[in-house]
PDB file of N, CA and C in Angstrom:
ATOM      1  N   MET A   1     -34.799  24.112  -7.195  1.00  0.00           N
ATOM      2  CA  MET A   1     -34.554  23.112  -7.197  1.00  0.00           C
ATOM      3  C   MET A   1     -33.212  23.872  -8.498  1.00  0.00           C
ATOM      4  N   LEU A   2     -33.338  25.037  -7.798  1.00  0.00           N
ATOM      5  CA  LEU A   2     -32.140  25.410  -9.252  1.00  0.00           C
ATOM      6  C   LEU A   2     -30.843  25.059  -8.060  1.00  0.00           C
ATOM      7  N   ARG A   3     -31.614  25.142  -6.113  1.00  0.00           N
ATOM      8  CA  ARG A   3     -29.401  24.757  -5.777  1.00  0.00           C
ATOM      9  C   ARG A   3     -29.459  23.646  -5.428  1.00  0.00           C
ATOM     10  N   ASN A   4     -30.588  22.784  -6.050  1.00  0.00           N
ATOM     11  CA  ASN A   4     -30.375  21.041  -6.133  1.00  0.00           C
ATOM     12  C   ASN A   4     -29.301  21.119  -7.745  1.00  0.00           C
ATOM     13  N   VAL A   5     -29.425  21.942  -8.787  1.00  0.00           N
ATOM     14  CA  VAL A   5     -28.966  21.406  -9.669  1.00  0.00           C
ATOM     15  C   VAL A   5     -27.132  21.731  -9.734  1.00  0.00           C
ATOM     16  N   ILE A   6     -27.000  23.244  -8.699  1.00  0.00           N
ATOM     17  CA  ILE A   6     -25.475  23.516  -8.542  1.00  0.00           C
ATOM     18  C   ILE A   6     -25.076  22.903  -7.147  1.00  0.00           C
ATOM     19  N   PHE A   7     -25.012  22.097  -6.894  1.00  0.00           N
ATOM     20  CA  PHE A   7     -25.092  20.892  -5.969  1.00  0.00           C
ATOM     21  C   PHE A   7     -24.614  19.842  -7.015  1.00  0.00           C
ATOM     22  N   ALA A   8     -25.148  19.598  -8.104  1.00  0.00           N
ATOM     23  CA  ALA A   8     -24.962  18.725  -8.140  1.00  0.00           C
ATOM     24  C   ALA A   8     -23.637  18.893  -9.277  1.00  0.00           C
ATOM     25  N   ALA A   9     -23.894  19.863 -10.053  1.00  0.00           N
ATOM     26  CA  ALA A   9     -22.897  20.096 -10.812  1.00  0.00           C
ATOM     27  C   ALA A   9     -21.373  20.528  -9.853  1.00  0.00           C
ATOM     28  N   GLY A  10     -21.886  21.185  -8.596  1.00  0.00           N
ATOM     29  CA  GLY A  10     -20.303  20.704  -7.842  1.00  0.00           C
ATOM     30  C   GLY A  10     -20.300  19.715  -7.555  1.00  0.00           C
ATOM     31  N   LEU A  11     -20.832  18.605  -7.235  1.00  0.00           N
ATOM     32  CA  LEU A  11     -20.000  16.966  -7.591  1.00  0.00           C
ATOM     33  C   LEU A  11     -19.371  16.783  -8.377  1.00  0.00           C
ATOM     34  N   VAL A  12     -19.816  17.374  -9.345  1.00  0.00           N
ATOM     35  CA  VAL A  12     -19.399  16.433 -10.915  1.00  0.00           C
ATOM     36  C   VAL A  12     -17.601  17.183 -10.853  1.00  0.00           C
ATOM     37  N   LEU A  13     -18.053  18.501 -10.873  1.00  0.00           N
ATOM     38  CA  LEU A  13     -16.644  18.961 -10.848  1.00  0.00           C
ATOM     39  C   LEU A  13     -15.640  18.926  -9.756  1.00  0.00           C
ATOM     40  N   LEU A  14     -15.860  18.724  -8.705  1.00  0.00           N
ATOM     41  CA  LEU A  14     -14.860  18.999  -7.202  1.00  0.00           C
ATOM     42  C   LEU A  14     -14.382  17.578  -7.526  1.00  0.00           C
ATOM     43  N   PRO A  15     -14.224  16.571  -8.405  1.00  0.00           N
ATOM     44  CA  PRO A  15     -12.886  15.631  -7.978  1.00  0.00           C
ATOM     45  C   PRO A  15     -12.288  15.515  -9.754  1.00  0.00           C
ATOM     46  N   ALA A  16     -12.459  16.231 -10.696  1.00  0.00           N
ATOM     47  CA  ALA A  16     -12.076  17.421 -11.441  1.00  0.00           C
ATOM     48  C   ALA A  16     -10.729  17.832 -11.555  1.00  0.00           C
ATOM     49  N   THR A  17     -11.474  19.041 -10.561  1.00  0.00           N
ATOM     50  CA  THR A  17     -10.549  19.633  -9.537  1.00  0.00           C
ATOM     51  C   THR A  17      -9.327  19.083  -9.205  1.00  0.00           C
ATOM     52  N   ALA A  18      -9.628  18.169  -8.035  1.00  0.00           N
ATOM     53  CA  ALA A  18      -8.603  17.191  -7.405  1.00  0.00           C
ATOM     54  C   ALA A  18      -7.523  16.761  -8.094  1.00  0.00           C
ATOM     55  N   PHE A  19      -8.149  16.202  -9.277  1.00  0.00           N
ATOM     56  CA  PHE A  19      -7.190  15.716 -10.184  1.00  0.00           C
ATOM     57  C   PHE A  19      -6.669  16.653 -11.164  1.00  0.00           C
ATOM     58  N   ALA A  20      -7.230  17.523 -11.499  1.00  0.00           N
ATOM     59  CA  ALA A  20      -5.999  18.607 -11.827  1.00  0.00           C
ATOM     60  C   ALA A  20      -5.031  18.688 -10.744  1.00  0.00           C
ATOM     61  N   GLN A  21      -5.313  19.059  -9.846  1.00  0.00           N
ATOM     62  CA  GLN A  21      -4.720  19.972  -8.878  1.00  0.00           C
ATOM     63  C   GLN A  21      -2.936  18.157  -8.734  1.00  0.00           C
ATOM     64  N   ASN A  22      -3.235  17.403  -8.717  1.00  0.00           N
ATOM     65  CA  ASN A  22      -2.490  16.237  -8.080  1.00  0.00           C
ATOM     66  C   ASN A  22      -1.757  15.407  -9.801  1.00  0.00           C
ATOM     67  N   GLN A  23      -1.448  16.532 -10.682  1.00  0.00           N
ATOM     68  CA  GLN A  23      -0.764  15.672 -11.868  1.00  0.00           C
ATOM     69  C   GLN A  23       0.480  15.435 -11.778  1.00  0.00           C
ATOM     70  N   GLY A  24       1.227  16.173 -10.885  1.00  0.00           N
ATOM     71  CA  GLY A  24       2.654  16.655 -10.442  1.00  0.00           C
ATOM     72  C   GLY A  24       3.331  15.554 -10.432  1.00  0.00           C
ATOM     73  N   GLN A  25       2.244  13.741 -10.239  1.00  0.00           N
ATOM     74  CA  GLN A  25       2.481  12.216 -10.291  1.00  0.00           C
ATOM     75  C   GLN A  25       1.560  11.709 -10.233  1.00  0.00           C
ATOM     76  N   PRO A  26       1.665  10.173 -10.367  1.00  0.00           N
ATOM     77  CA  PRO A  26       0.851   9.312 -10.370  1.00  0.00           C
ATOM     78  C   PRO A  26      -0.080   9.409  -8.955  1.00  0.00           C
ATOM     79  N   ASN A  27       0.555   8.940  -8.560  1.00  0.00           N
ATOM     80  CA  ASN A  27      -0.168   8.985  -7.286  1.00  0.00           C
ATOM     81  C   ASN A  27      -0.367   9.987  -5.916  1.00  0.00           C
ATOM     82  N   GLY A  28      -0.149  11.848  -6.782  1.00  0.00           N
ATOM     83  CA  GLY A  28      -1.065  13.018  -6.172  1.00  0.00           C
ATOM     84  C   GLY A  28       0.286  13.379  -5.590  1.00  0.00           C
ATOM     85  N   LEU A  29       1.389  12.864  -4.873  1.00  0.00           N
ATOM     86  CA  LEU A  29       2.262  13.313  -4.170  1.00  0.00           C
ATOM     87  C   LEU A  29       2.943  14.758  -4.950  1.00  0.00           C
ATOM     88  N   PRO A  30       3.726  15.190  -4.148  1.00  0.00           N
ATOM     89  CA  PRO A  30       4.494  16.909  -4.678  1.00  0.00           C
ATOM     90  C   PRO A  30       5.191  16.212  -5.674  1.00  0.00           C
ATOM     91  N   GLU A  31       6.098  17.145  -6.711  1.00  0.00           N
ATOM     92  CA  GLU A  31       7.203  16.727  -7.408  1.00  0.00           C
ATOM     93  C   GLU A  31       8.355  16.736  -6.706  1.00  0.00           C
ATOM     94  N   PRO A  32       9.321  16.009  -6.415  1.00  0.00           N
ATOM     95  CA  PRO A  32      10.587  15.567  -5.853  1.00  0.00           C
ATOM     96  C   PRO A  32      11.343  16.760  -5.973  1.00  0.00           C
ATOM     97  N   PRO A  33      12.381  16.965  -4.892  1.00  0.00           N
ATOM     98  CA  PRO A  33      13.321  18.062  -5.701  1.00  0.00           C
ATOM     99  C   PRO A  33      14.015  17.221  -6.723  1.00  0.00           C
ATOM    100  N   SER A  34      14.984  17.677  -7.431  1.00  0.00           N
ATOM    101  CA  SER A  34      16.022  17.753  -8.490  1.00  0.00           C
ATOM    102  C   SER A  34      16.900  18.318  -8.051  1.00  0.00           C
ATOM    103  N   MET A  35      18.392  17.803  -8.369  1.00  0.00           N
ATOM    104  CA  MET A  35      19.118  19.341  -8.125  1.00  0.00           C
ATOM    105  C   MET A  35      19.457  19.348  -9.921  1.00  0.00           C
ATOM    106  N   ARG A  36      19.644  20.569  -9.877  1.00  0.00           N
ATOM    107  CA  ARG A  36      20.193  20.494 -11.497  1.00  0.00           C
ATOM    108  C   ARG A  36      21.132  20.394 -11.884  1.00  0.00           C
ATOM    109  N   SER A  37      20.946  20.012 -13.546  1.00  0.00           N
ATOM    110  CA  SER A  37      21.825  19.077 -14.282  1.00  0.00           C
ATOM    111  C   SER A  37      23.209  19.642 -13.933  1.00  0.00           C
ATOM    112  N   GLU A  38      23.733  21.269 -13.642  1.00  0.00           N
ATOM    113  CA  GLU A  38      24.483  21.908 -14.127  1.00  0.00           C
ATOM    114  C   GLU A  38      25.135  21.733 -12.802  1.00  0.00           C
ATOM    115  N   MET A  39      24.571  21.602 -11.441  1.00  0.00           N
ATOM    116  CA  MET A  39      24.612  21.150 -10.209  1.00  0.00           C
ATOM    117  C   MET A  39      25.795  20.087  -9.537  1.00  0.00           C
ATOM    118  N   VAL A  40      25.208  19.040 -10.472  1.00  0.00           N
ATOM    119  CA  VAL A  40      25.972  17.273 -10.728  1.00  0.00           C
ATOM    120  C   VAL A  40      26.996  17.787 -10.502  1.00  0.00           C
ATOM    121  N   PRO A  41      28.174  17.705 -11.686  1.00  0.00           N
ATOM    122  CA  PRO A  41      29.059  17.854 -11.136  1.00  0.00           C
ATOM    123  C   PRO A  41      29.899  18.480 -10.298  1.00  0.00           C
ATOM    124  N   ARG A  42      29.606  19.144  -9.600  1.00  0.00           N
ATOM    125  CA  ARG A  42      30.227  20.060  -8.564  1.00  0.00           C
ATOM    126  C   ARG A  42      29.990  20.023  -7.308  1.00  0.00           C
ATOM    127  N   PHE A  43      28.762  18.633  -7.355  1.00  0.00           N
ATOM    128  CA  PHE A  43      28.264  18.290  -6.056  1.00  0.00           C
ATOM    129  C   PHE A  43      28.799  16.667  -5.825  1.00  0.00           C
ATOM    130  N   LYS A  44      29.243  16.200  -6.907  1.00  0.00           N
ATOM    131  CA  LYS A  44      29.814  15.007  -7.127  1.00  0.00           C
ATOM    132  C   LYS A  44      31.101  14.851  -6.840  1.00  0.00           C
ATOM    133  N   GLN A  45      31.588  16.500  -6.654  1.00  0.00           N
ATOM    134  CA  GLN A  45      33.422  16.302  -6.401  1.00  0.00           C
ATOM    135  C   GLN A  45      33.083  16.915  -4.900  1.00  0.00           C
ATOM    136  N   TYR A  46      32.009  17.030  -5.110  1.00  0.00           N
ATOM    137  CA  TYR A  46      31.429  17.825  -3.407  1.00  0.00           C
ATOM    138  C   TYR A  46      31.538  16.339  -2.281  1.00  0.00           C
ATOM    139  N   VAL A  47      31.015  15.818  -2.852  1.00  0.00           N
ATOM    140  CA  VAL A  47      30.694  14.268  -2.325  1.00  0.00           C
ATOM    141  C   VAL A  47      32.267  13.582  -1.883  1.00  0.00           C
ATOM    142  N   VAL A  48      32.568  13.620  -3.273  1.00  0.00           N
ATOM    143  CA  VAL A  48      34.383  12.874  -3.299  1.00  0.00           C
ATOM    144  C   VAL A  48      35.579  13.659  -2.055  1.00  0.00           C
ATOM    145  N   THR A  49      34.957  15.149  -1.670  1.00  0.00           N
ATOM    146  CA  THR A  49      35.959  15.348  -0.384  1.00  0.00           C
ATOM    147  C   THR A  49      35.741  15.573   0.322  1.00  0.00           C
ATOM    148  N   GLN A  50      34.234  14.842   1.163  1.00  0.00           N
ATOM    149  CA  GLN A  50      33.686  14.668   1.798  1.00  0.00           C
ATOM    150  C   GLN A  50      33.552  12.974   2.305  1.00  0.00           C
ATOM    151  N   ARG A  51      33.940  12.502   1.221  1.00  0.00           N
ATOM    152  CA  ARG A  51      34.879  11.282   1.804  1.00  0.00           C
ATOM    153  C   ARG A  51      33.989  10.228   2.970  1.00  0.00           C
ATOM    154  N   PRO A  52      32.723   9.864   1.864  1.00  0.00           N
ATOM    155  CA  PRO A  52      31.616   9.518   3.215  1.00  0.00           C
ATOM    156  C   PRO A  52      31.569   8.000   2.674  1.00  0.00           C
ATOM    157  N   THR A  53      31.423   7.161   3.851  1.00  0.00           N
ATOM    158  CA  THR A  53      31.319   5.445   4.002  1.00  0.00           C
ATOM    159  C   THR A  53      30.394   5.266   2.526  1.00  0.00           C
ATOM    160  N   SER A  54      30.613   4.405   1.481  1.00  0.00           N
ATOM    161  CA  SER A  54      29.601   3.901   0.628  1.00  0.00           C
ATOM    162  C   SER A  54      29.024   2.917   1.474  1.00  0.00           C
ATOM    163  N   PHE A  55      27.420   3.330   2.054  1.00  0.00           N
ATOM    164  CA  PHE A  55      26.841   1.901   2.191  1.00  0.00           C
ATOM    165  C   PHE A  55      26.017   0.701   1.366  1.00  0.00           C
ATOM    166  N   THR A  56      26.697  -0.168   1.135  1.00  0.00           N
ATOM    167  CA  THR A  56      25.921  -1.585   0.423  1.00  0.00           C
ATOM    168  C   THR A  56      24.823  -2.215   1.086  1.00  0.00           C
ATOM    169  N   TYR A  57      24.386  -1.388  -0.747  1.00  0.00           N
ATOM    170  CA  TYR A  57      22.724  -2.061  -0.471  1.00  0.00           C
ATOM    171  C   TYR A  57      22.380  -3.022  -1.446  1.00  0.00           C
ATOM    172  N   SER A  58      22.301  -4.162  -1.433  1.00  0.00           N
ATOM    173  CA  SER A  58      22.101  -5.526  -1.927  1.00  0.00           C
ATOM    174  C   SER A  58      20.425  -5.285  -2.729  1.00  0.00           C
ATOM    175  N   GLN A  59      19.667  -4.417  -2.642  1.00  0.00           N
ATOM    176  CA  GLN A  59      18.153  -4.549  -3.862  1.00  0.00           C
ATOM    177  C   GLN A  59      18.728  -3.556  -4.949  1.00  0.00           C
ATOM    178  N   PRO A  60      18.035  -4.130  -5.339  1.00  0.00           N
ATOM    179  CA  PRO A  60      18.418  -2.925  -6.803  1.00  0.00           C
ATOM    180  C   PRO A  60      17.703  -1.271  -6.442  1.00  0.00           C
ATOM    181  N   LEU A  61      18.636   0.103  -6.510  1.00  0.00           N
ATOM    182  CA  LEU A  61      18.976   1.180  -6.039  1.00  0.00           C
ATOM    183  C   LEU A  61      17.990   2.025  -7.315  1.00  0.00           C
ATOM    184  N   ALA A  62      16.215   2.582  -6.604  1.00  0.00           N
ATOM    185  CA  ALA A  62      15.847   3.404  -7.545  1.00  0.00           C
ATOM    186  C   ALA A  62      15.470   4.771  -6.825  1.00  0.00           C
ATOM    187  N   VAL A  63      15.097   5.792  -7.742  1.00  0.00           N
ATOM    188  CA  VAL A  63      14.277   6.564  -7.205  1.00  0.00           C
ATOM    189  C   VAL A  63      12.855   5.801  -6.425  1.00  0.00           C
ATOM    190  N   GLY A  64      12.668   5.817  -5.515  1.00  0.00           N
ATOM    191  CA  GLY A  64      11.390   5.042  -3.936  1.00  0.00           C
ATOM    192  C   GLY A  64      11.968   4.298  -3.666  1.00  0.00           C
ATOM    193  N   THR A  65      13.045   3.659  -3.823  1.00  0.00           N
ATOM    194  CA  THR A  65      13.659   2.881  -2.727  1.00  0.00           C
ATOM    195  C   THR A  65      14.024   4.030  -1.319  1.00  0.00           C
ATOM    196  N   VAL A  66      13.719   3.171  -0.027  1.00  0.00           N
ATOM    197  CA  VAL A  66      13.330   3.504   1.197  1.00  0.00           C
ATOM    198  C   VAL A  66      14.666   2.790   1.573  1.00  0.00           C
ATOM    199  N   LEU A  67      15.749   3.487   1.967  1.00  0.00           N
ATOM    200  CA  LEU A  67      16.607   2.952   2.714  1.00  0.00           C
ATOM    201  C   LEU A  67      16.731   2.314   4.230  1.00  0.00           C
ATOM    202  N   PRO A  68      17.418   1.838   4.508  1.00  0.00           N
ATOM    203  CA  PRO A  68      17.311   1.175   5.892  1.00  0.00           C
ATOM    204  C   PRO A  68      17.795   2.232   6.856  1.00  0.00           C
ATOM    205  N   GLN A  69      16.924   2.023   7.990  1.00  0.00           N
ATOM    206  CA  GLN A  69      17.155   3.148   9.415  1.00  0.00           C
ATOM    207  C   GLN A  69      18.510   3.040   9.760  1.00  0.00           C
ATOM    208  N   GLN A  70      18.800   1.456   9.858  1.00  0.00           N
ATOM    209  CA  GLN A  70      20.464   1.344  10.424  1.00  0.00           C
ATOM    210  C   GLN A  70      20.520   1.229   9.891  1.00  0.00           C
ATOM    211  N   GLY A  71      22.185   2.070  10.101  1.00  0.00           N
ATOM    212  CA  GLY A  71      23.695   1.280   8.471  1.00  0.00           C
ATOM    213  C   GLY A  71      23.876   2.805   7.614  1.00  0.00           C
ATOM    214  N   VAL A  72      23.015   4.013   7.893  1.00  0.00           N
ATOM    215  CA  VAL A  72      23.058   4.330   6.654  1.00  0.00           C
ATOM    216  C   VAL A  72      23.676   5.375   7.307  1.00  0.00           C
ATOM    217  N   VAL A  73      24.746   6.229   6.723  1.00  0.00           N
ATOM    218  CA  VAL A  73      24.588   8.055   7.548  1.00  0.00           C
ATOM    219  C   VAL A  73      24.478   8.773   6.469  1.00  0.00           C
ATOM    220  N   TYR A  74      23.438  10.292   6.923  1.00  0.00           N
ATOM    221  CA  TYR A  74      22.961  10.487   5.894  1.00  0.00           C
ATOM    222  C   TYR A  74      23.836  12.098   6.338  1.00  0.00           C
ATOM    223  N   SER A  75      23.695  13.064   5.471  1.00  0.00           N
ATOM    224  CA  SER A  75      24.779  14.281   5.725  1.00  0.00           C
ATOM    225  C   SER A  75      23.742  14.823   5.153  1.00  0.00           C
ATOM    226  N   GLU A  76      23.724  16.556   5.241  1.00  0.00           N
ATOM    227  CA  GLU A  76      23.152  17.536   4.754  1.00  0.00           C
ATOM    228  C   GLU A  76      23.683  18.178   3.345  1.00  0.00           C
ATOM    229  N   VAL A  77      23.116  18.501   2.392  1.00  0.00           N
ATOM    230  CA  VAL A  77      22.802  18.886   1.694  1.00  0.00           C
ATOM    231  C   VAL A  77      23.750  20.765   1.672  1.00  0.00           C
ATOM    232  N   PRO A  78      24.318  21.233   1.255  1.00  0.00           N
ATOM    233  CA  PRO A  78      24.819  22.268   1.425  1.00  0.00           C
ATOM    234  C   PRO A  78      23.758  23.016   0.670  1.00  0.00           C
ATOM    235  N   ALA A  79      23.073  24.217   1.159  1.00  0.00           N
ATOM    236  CA  ALA A  79      22.426  24.957   0.011  1.00  0.00           C
ATOM    237  C   ALA A  79      22.636  25.012  -1.408  1.00  0.00           C
ATOM    238  N   GLU A  80      23.880  25.658  -1.217  1.00  0.00           N
ATOM    239  CA  GLU A  80      24.686  25.797  -2.719  1.00  0.00           C
ATOM    240  C   GLU A  80      23.772  25.374  -3.769  1.00  0.00           C
ATOM    241  N   TYR A  81      23.687  23.785  -3.781  1.00  0.00           N
ATOM    242  CA  TYR A  81      23.099  23.242  -4.446  1.00  0.00           C
ATOM    243  C   TYR A  81      21.543  23.309  -4.803  1.00  0.00           C
ATOM    244  N   GLY A  82      20.765  23.973  -4.129  1.00  0.00           N
ATOM    245  CA  GLY A  82      19.102  24.122  -4.475  1.00  0.00           C
ATOM    246  C   GLY A  82      18.445  23.396  -4.212  1.00  0.00           C
ATOM    247  N   VAL A  83      18.689  22.245  -2.901  1.00  0.00           N
ATOM    248  CA  VAL A  83      17.934  21.108  -2.721  1.00  0.00           C
ATOM    249  C   VAL A  83      17.321  20.957  -0.967  1.00  0.00           C
ATOM    250  N   SER A  84      17.281  21.882  -0.764  1.00  0.00           N
ATOM    251  CA  SER A  84      17.791  22.475   0.814  1.00  0.00           C
ATOM    252  C   SER A  84      16.395  21.721   1.341  1.00  0.00           C
ATOM    253  N   GLY A  85      17.009  21.049   2.547  1.00  0.00           N
ATOM    254  CA  GLY A  85      15.505  20.476   3.011  1.00  0.00           C
ATOM    255  C   GLY A  85      15.625  18.667   2.761  1.00  0.00           C
ATOM    256  N   TYR A  86      16.843  18.554   2.452  1.00  0.00           N
ATOM    257  CA  TYR A  86      17.028  17.007   1.572  1.00  0.00           C
ATOM    258  C   TYR A  86      18.411  16.726   2.230  1.00  0.00           C
ATOM    259  N   ARG A  87      18.672  15.633   2.682  1.00  0.00           N
ATOM    260  CA  ARG A  87      20.097  14.905   3.467  1.00  0.00           C
ATOM    261  C   ARG A  87      20.136  13.927   1.766  1.00  0.00           C
ATOM    262  N   TYR A  88      21.745  13.431   1.860  1.00  0.00           N
ATOM    263  CA  TYR A  88      22.716  12.691   1.230  1.00  0.00           C
ATOM    264  C   TYR A  88      23.250  11.360   1.753  1.00  0.00           C
ATOM    265  N   THR A  89      23.630  10.581   0.876  1.00  0.00           N
ATOM    266  CA  THR A  89      24.440   9.812   1.079  1.00  0.00           C
ATOM    267  C   THR A  89      24.971   8.714   0.085  1.00  0.00           C
ATOM    268  N   VAL A  90      25.659   8.151   0.049  1.00  0.00           N
ATOM    269  CA  VAL A  90      25.924   7.324  -0.818  1.00  0.00           C
ATOM    270  C   VAL A  90      26.301   5.676  -0.587  1.00  0.00           C
ATOM    271  N   VAL A  91      25.367   4.947  -1.897  1.00  0.00           N
ATOM    272  CA  VAL A  91      24.805   3.684  -1.703  1.00  0.00           C
ATOM    273  C   VAL A  91      25.768   3.047  -3.215  1.00  0.00           C
ATOM    274  N   ASN A  92      26.059   2.644  -2.635  1.00  0.00           N
ATOM    275  CA  ASN A  92      26.836   1.015  -3.824  1.00  0.00           C
ATOM    276  C   ASN A  92      27.407   2.021  -5.080  1.00  0.00           C
ATOM    277  N   GLU A  93      28.624   3.180  -4.263  1.00  0.00           N
ATOM    278  CA  GLU A  93      29.498   4.021  -4.619  1.00  0.00           C
ATOM    279  C   GLU A  93      28.624   5.208  -5.863  1.00  0.00           C
ATOM    280  N   HIS A  94      27.083   5.101  -5.085  1.00  0.00           N
ATOM    281  CA  HIS A  94      26.354   6.438  -6.160  1.00  0.00           C
ATOM    282  C   HIS A  94      25.693   7.221  -5.022  1.00  0.00           C
ATOM    283  N   PRO A  95      26.339   8.914  -5.382  1.00  0.00           N
ATOM    284  CA  PRO A  95      25.547   9.933  -4.458  1.00  0.00           C
ATOM    285  C   PRO A  95      23.915   9.651  -5.116  1.00  0.00           C
ATOM    286  N   VAL A  96      23.090   9.613  -3.377  1.00  0.00           N
ATOM    287  CA  VAL A  96      21.971  10.123  -3.754  1.00  0.00           C
ATOM    288  C   VAL A  96      21.247  11.390  -2.934  1.00  0.00           C
ATOM    289  N   LEU A  97      20.191  11.494  -3.480  1.00  0.00           N
ATOM    290  CA  LEU A  97      19.430  12.782  -2.771  1.00  0.00           C
ATOM    291  C   LEU A  97      18.406  11.851  -1.347  1.00  0.00           C
ATOM    292  N   VAL A  98      18.224  12.284  -0.288  1.00  0.00           N
ATOM    293  CA  VAL A  98      16.941  11.281   0.389  1.00  0.00           C
ATOM    294  C   VAL A  98      16.087  12.048   0.884  1.00  0.00           C
ATOM    295  N   GLU A  99      15.045  11.799   1.287  1.00  0.00           N
ATOM    296  CA  GLU A  99      13.941  12.801   1.907  1.00  0.00           C
ATOM    297  C   GLU A  99      14.178  12.326   3.162  1.00  0.00           C
ATOM    298  N   PRO A 100      14.265  13.113   4.143  1.00  0.00           N
ATOM    299  CA  PRO A 100      15.021  12.571   5.497  1.00  0.00           C
ATOM    300  C   PRO A 100      13.764  11.880   6.567  1.00  0.00           C
ATOM    301  N   SER A 101      12.651  13.072   6.662  1.00  0.00           N
ATOM    302  CA  SER A 101      11.523  12.037   6.865  1.00  0.00           C
ATOM    303  C   SER A 101      11.105  10.009   7.284  1.00  0.00           C
ATOM    304  N   THR A 102      11.725   9.769   5.735  1.00  0.00           N
ATOM    305  CA  THR A 102      11.098   9.129   5.323  1.00  0.00           C
ATOM    306  C   THR A 102      12.512   7.827   4.704  1.00  0.00           C
ATOM    307  N   ARG A 103      13.213   8.095   4.493  1.00  0.00           N
ATOM    308  CA  ARG A 103      14.169   8.011   3.974  1.00  0.00           C
ATOM    309  C   ARG A 103      14.161   7.496   2.484  1.00  0.00           C
ATOM    310  N   ARG A 104      13.727   8.243   2.035  1.00  0.00           N
ATOM    311  CA  ARG A 104      13.362   7.433   0.408  1.00  0.00           C
ATOM    312  C   ARG A 104      14.178   8.337  -0.013  1.00  0.00           C
ATOM    313  N   VAL A 105      14.749   7.427  -1.386  1.00  0.00           N
ATOM    314  CA  VAL A 105      15.600   7.954  -2.378  1.00  0.00           C
ATOM    315  C   VAL A 105      14.867   9.416  -3.450  1.00  0.00           C
ATOM    316  N   VAL A 106      15.632   9.917  -3.777  1.00  0.00           N
ATOM    317  CA  VAL A 106      14.272  10.797  -4.558  1.00  0.00           C
ATOM    318  C   VAL A 106      15.305  11.484  -5.647  1.00  0.00           C
ATOM    319  N   GLN A 107      16.746  10.779  -5.842  1.00  0.00           N
ATOM    320  CA  GLN A 107      17.694  11.545  -6.556  1.00  0.00           C
ATOM    321  C   GLN A 107      18.489  10.644  -6.756  1.00  0.00           C
ATOM    322  N   ILE A 108      18.782   9.831  -7.926  1.00  0.00           N
ATOM    323  CA  ILE A 108      20.376   9.121  -8.078  1.00  0.00           C
ATOM    324  C   ILE A 108      21.095  10.710  -8.784  1.00  0.00           C
ATOM    325  N   ILE A 109      22.623  10.557  -7.645  1.00  0.00           N
ATOM    326  CA  ILE A 109      23.293  11.547  -8.723  1.00  0.00           C
ATOM    327  C   ILE A 109      24.689  10.567  -9.547  1.00  0.00           C
ATOM    328  N   ASP A 110      24.103  10.594 -11.253  1.00  0.00           N
ATOM    329  CA  ASP A 110      24.584  10.178 -12.098  1.00  0.00           C
ATOM    330  C   ASP A 110      25.641  10.811 -12.518  1.00  0.00           C
TER     331      ASP A 110
END
């Protein structure tokens, strides 16, 4: 009997535990990186010095947009900007941070 009560309590508490762990974003994904605001002006200047070609994207550009596989040039973000593991590109004249395996925009640098 006691074993059944403990089992039932565990079933009730399990979803609450999972919900609490997924509070970073509504879909339960980990919070994407974000370049600290004090780094943004330096990064924008860095991008200008690299002179990348701006990709023209005809749809509204927003965080979460998945960029096309063809026609976009992705470059590594130097470690000093604190978002290692991500790439950047320029879309419609705006530098953006991109998750490399999915090509999903994680931050628009304005």
